[in-house]
């Protein structure tokens, strides 16, 4: 059966919460000092993505395979950001595909549909971030035409007793 992409609806919120939490846990496992992992992250994502899905400047998509939600993508229109030297643009914030659906092109379909929907909202480009250790995502996005433009670097603050 083919993959179906569609906008998320309220009945998708439990799946969105589960998948968003899996994405957060993956990032936290990559670098637990950089990526937060709030308590009850699943409820947080369920609330956040459900709220964002109702906004005119945000896009929350789900991918269905055999009637089951197996992936999602979340993006939104962002205004001019002088700190980042970034003009108004789209931001692809999240993309997740369940393990059982990986390798079937679901991630590429979600990314391309997100690009289409965000540019339809009038943005001239779509920007995304990937975790430095997420080589699979970086390969996918490069294959789809994204290019590296910035490198985030993080340094932890010294212990408080070193500041005196």
Protein backbone atom coordinates (compact mmCIF):
# COMPACT_ATOMS: atom_id res chain seq x y z
CA UNK A 1 0.00 0.00 0.00
CA UNK A 2 1.36 3.47 -0.82
CA UNK A 3 2.32 6.10 1.73
CA UNK A 4 -0.29 8.81 2.25
CA UNK A 5 0.70 12.29 3.43
CA UNK A 6 -1.81 14.64 4.99
CA UNK A 7 -2.09 17.48 7.48
CA UNK A 8 -2.24 16.30 11.08
CA UNK A 9 -5.61 16.31 12.80
CA UNK A 10 -6.49 16.21 16.51
CA UNK A 11 -6.88 12.43 16.47
CA UNK A 12 -3.18 12.19 15.45
CA UNK A 13 -1.97 13.92 18.61
CA UNK A 14 -1.17 10.70 20.54
CA UNK A 15 0.99 9.46 17.63
CA UNK A 16 2.60 12.90 17.29
CA UNK A 17 3.40 12.90 21.01
CA UNK A 18 4.95 9.44 20.80
CA UNK A 19 7.04 10.24 17.72
CA UNK A 20 8.07 13.69 18.96
CA UNK A 21 9.21 12.11 22.21
CA UNK A 22 11.22 9.52 20.26
CA UNK A 23 12.90 12.34 18.32
CA UNK A 24 13.69 14.19 21.56
CA UNK A 25 15.11 11.02 23.14
CA UNK A 26 17.27 10.39 20.08
CA UNK A 27 18.74 13.89 20.28
CA UNK A 28 19.24 13.61 24.03
CA UNK A 29 21.13 10.34 23.46
CA UNK A 30 23.33 12.08 20.88
CA UNK A 31 24.35 14.79 23.39
CA UNK A 32 22.56 14.97 26.73
CA UNK A 33 24.28 18.22 27.70
CA UNK A 34 22.98 20.02 24.60
CA UNK A 35 19.51 18.54 24.09
CA UNK A 36 16.94 18.82 26.85
CA UNK A 37 14.67 15.93 27.72
CA UNK A 38 11.77 17.28 29.78
CA UNK A 39 9.74 15.06 32.04
CA UNK A 40 6.68 13.72 30.27
CA UNK A 41 8.13 14.72 26.90
CA UNK A 42 5.38 12.78 25.13
CA UNK A 43 2.62 14.95 26.61
CA UNK A 44 4.66 18.03 25.83
CA UNK A 45 5.04 17.12 22.17
CA UNK A 46 1.38 16.09 21.93
CA UNK A 47 0.38 19.53 23.24
CA UNK A 48 2.97 21.47 21.19
CA UNK A 49 2.35 19.81 17.83
CA UNK A 50 -1.41 19.83 18.34
CA UNK A 51 -1.26 23.57 18.99
CA UNK A 52 1.07 24.24 16.07
CA UNK A 53 -1.13 22.25 13.66
CA UNK A 54 -3.87 24.86 14.16
CA UNK A 55 -1.68 27.83 13.18
CA UNK A 56 -1.78 29.34 9.69
CA UNK A 57 2.00 29.81 9.58
CA UNK A 58 2.84 26.26 10.69
CA UNK A 59 2.63 22.89 8.95
CA UNK A 60 2.33 19.55 10.72
CA UNK A 61 2.16 16.61 8.35
CA UNK A 62 1.73 12.92 9.03
CA UNK A 63 2.62 9.95 6.86
CA UNK A 64 0.31 6.94 6.89
CA UNK A 65 1.19 3.46 5.73
CA UNK A 66 -1.57 0.84 5.74
CA UNK A 67 -3.74 3.26 7.73
CA UNK A 68 -1.16 3.71 10.50
CA UNK A 69 0.70 6.97 11.21
CA UNK A 70 4.39 6.10 10.71
CA UNK A 71 6.01 9.52 10.46
CA UNK A 72 5.57 13.24 10.83
CA UNK A 73 7.15 16.52 9.85
CA UNK A 74 6.77 19.91 11.51
CA UNK A 75 7.76 23.25 10.06
CA UNK A 76 6.75 26.87 10.25
CA UNK A 77 7.30 30.26 8.71
CA UNK A 78 9.90 32.25 10.62
CA UNK A 79 10.37 36.02 10.44
CA UNK A 80 13.57 37.93 9.82
CA UNK A 81 16.24 36.95 12.37
CA UNK A 82 19.03 39.51 12.66
CA UNK A 83 20.96 37.30 15.09
CA UNK A 84 21.16 34.50 12.53
CA UNK A 85 21.36 36.90 9.54
CA UNK A 86 18.39 35.05 8.13
CA UNK A 87 15.66 36.64 6.05
CA UNK A 88 12.06 35.44 6.38
CA UNK A 89 12.16 31.72 5.72
CA UNK A 90 10.58 28.39 6.38
CA UNK A 91 12.04 26.20 9.08
CA UNK A 92 11.81 22.42 8.96
CA UNK A 93 12.00 21.72 12.69
CA UNK A 94 11.13 18.03 12.99
CA UNK A 95 11.11 15.00 10.76
CA UNK A 96 10.59 11.52 12.18
CA UNK A 97 9.88 8.16 10.60
CA UNK A 98 9.16 5.09 12.68
CA UNK A 99 11.79 2.35 12.44
CA UNK A 100 9.45 -0.09 10.68
CA UNK A 101 8.82 2.41 7.86
CA UNK A 102 12.42 3.53 7.28
CA UNK A 103 14.00 2.81 3.93
CA UNK A 104 10.67 3.17 2.09
CA UNK A 105 11.15 6.83 1.16
CA UNK A 106 8.78 8.18 3.81
CA UNK A 107 11.29 10.75 5.11
CA UNK A 108 11.97 12.08 1.62
CA UNK A 109 8.25 12.35 0.89
CA UNK A 110 7.66 14.26 4.14
CA UNK A 111 10.59 16.61 3.53
CA UNK A 112 9.53 17.35 -0.05
CA UNK A 113 5.91 17.96 0.96
CA UNK A 114 7.05 20.25 3.77
CA UNK A 115 9.19 22.19 1.27
CA UNK A 116 6.20 22.51 -1.06
CA UNK A 117 3.81 23.66 1.66
CA UNK A 118 6.20 26.15 3.27
CA UNK A 119 7.15 27.73 -0.06
CA UNK A 120 3.43 27.94 -0.89
CA UNK A 121 3.22 30.17 2.22
CA UNK A 122 5.59 32.56 0.45
CA UNK A 123 9.02 31.81 1.90
CA UNK A 124 12.03 31.95 -0.45
CA UNK A 125 13.89 29.10 1.29
CA UNK A 126 13.56 26.43 3.96
CA UNK A 127 16.27 26.04 6.60
CA UNK A 128 16.77 23.07 8.89
CA UNK A 129 19.13 21.84 11.57
CA UNK A 130 20.30 18.28 12.16
CA UNK A 131 22.17 16.89 15.12
CA UNK A 132 25.88 16.66 14.33
CA UNK A 133 25.78 12.91 14.96
CA UNK A 134 22.72 12.30 12.77
CA UNK A 135 24.56 11.31 9.58
CA UNK A 136 21.49 9.53 8.15
CA UNK A 137 19.42 12.72 8.26
CA UNK A 138 22.27 14.75 6.82
CA UNK A 139 22.60 12.34 3.89
CA UNK A 140 18.87 12.49 3.22
CA UNK A 141 18.70 16.27 3.30
CA UNK A 142 21.81 16.63 1.12
CA UNK A 143 20.32 14.21 -1.41
CA UNK A 144 17.15 16.35 -1.46
CA UNK A 145 19.08 19.56 -2.16
CA UNK A 146 19.75 21.14 1.23
CA UNK A 147 23.29 22.43 1.75
CA UNK A 148 25.31 23.11 4.91
CA UNK A 149 25.37 26.82 5.76
CA UNK A 150 26.15 27.01 9.49
CA UNK A 151 27.82 24.87 12.14
CA UNK A 152 26.47 25.12 15.68
CA UNK A 153 29.11 24.75 18.38
CA UNK A 154 28.37 24.34 22.07
CA UNK A 155 30.60 24.79 25.11
CA UNK A 156 29.43 24.01 28.61
CA UNK A 157 29.89 26.64 31.31
CA UNK A 158 32.64 25.93 33.85
CA UNK A 159 31.63 24.78 37.34
CA UNK A 160 30.56 27.69 39.54
CA UNK A 161 33.58 27.32 41.88
CA UNK A 162 35.93 28.04 38.93
CA UNK A 163 34.36 31.47 38.49
CA UNK A 164 35.56 32.85 41.82
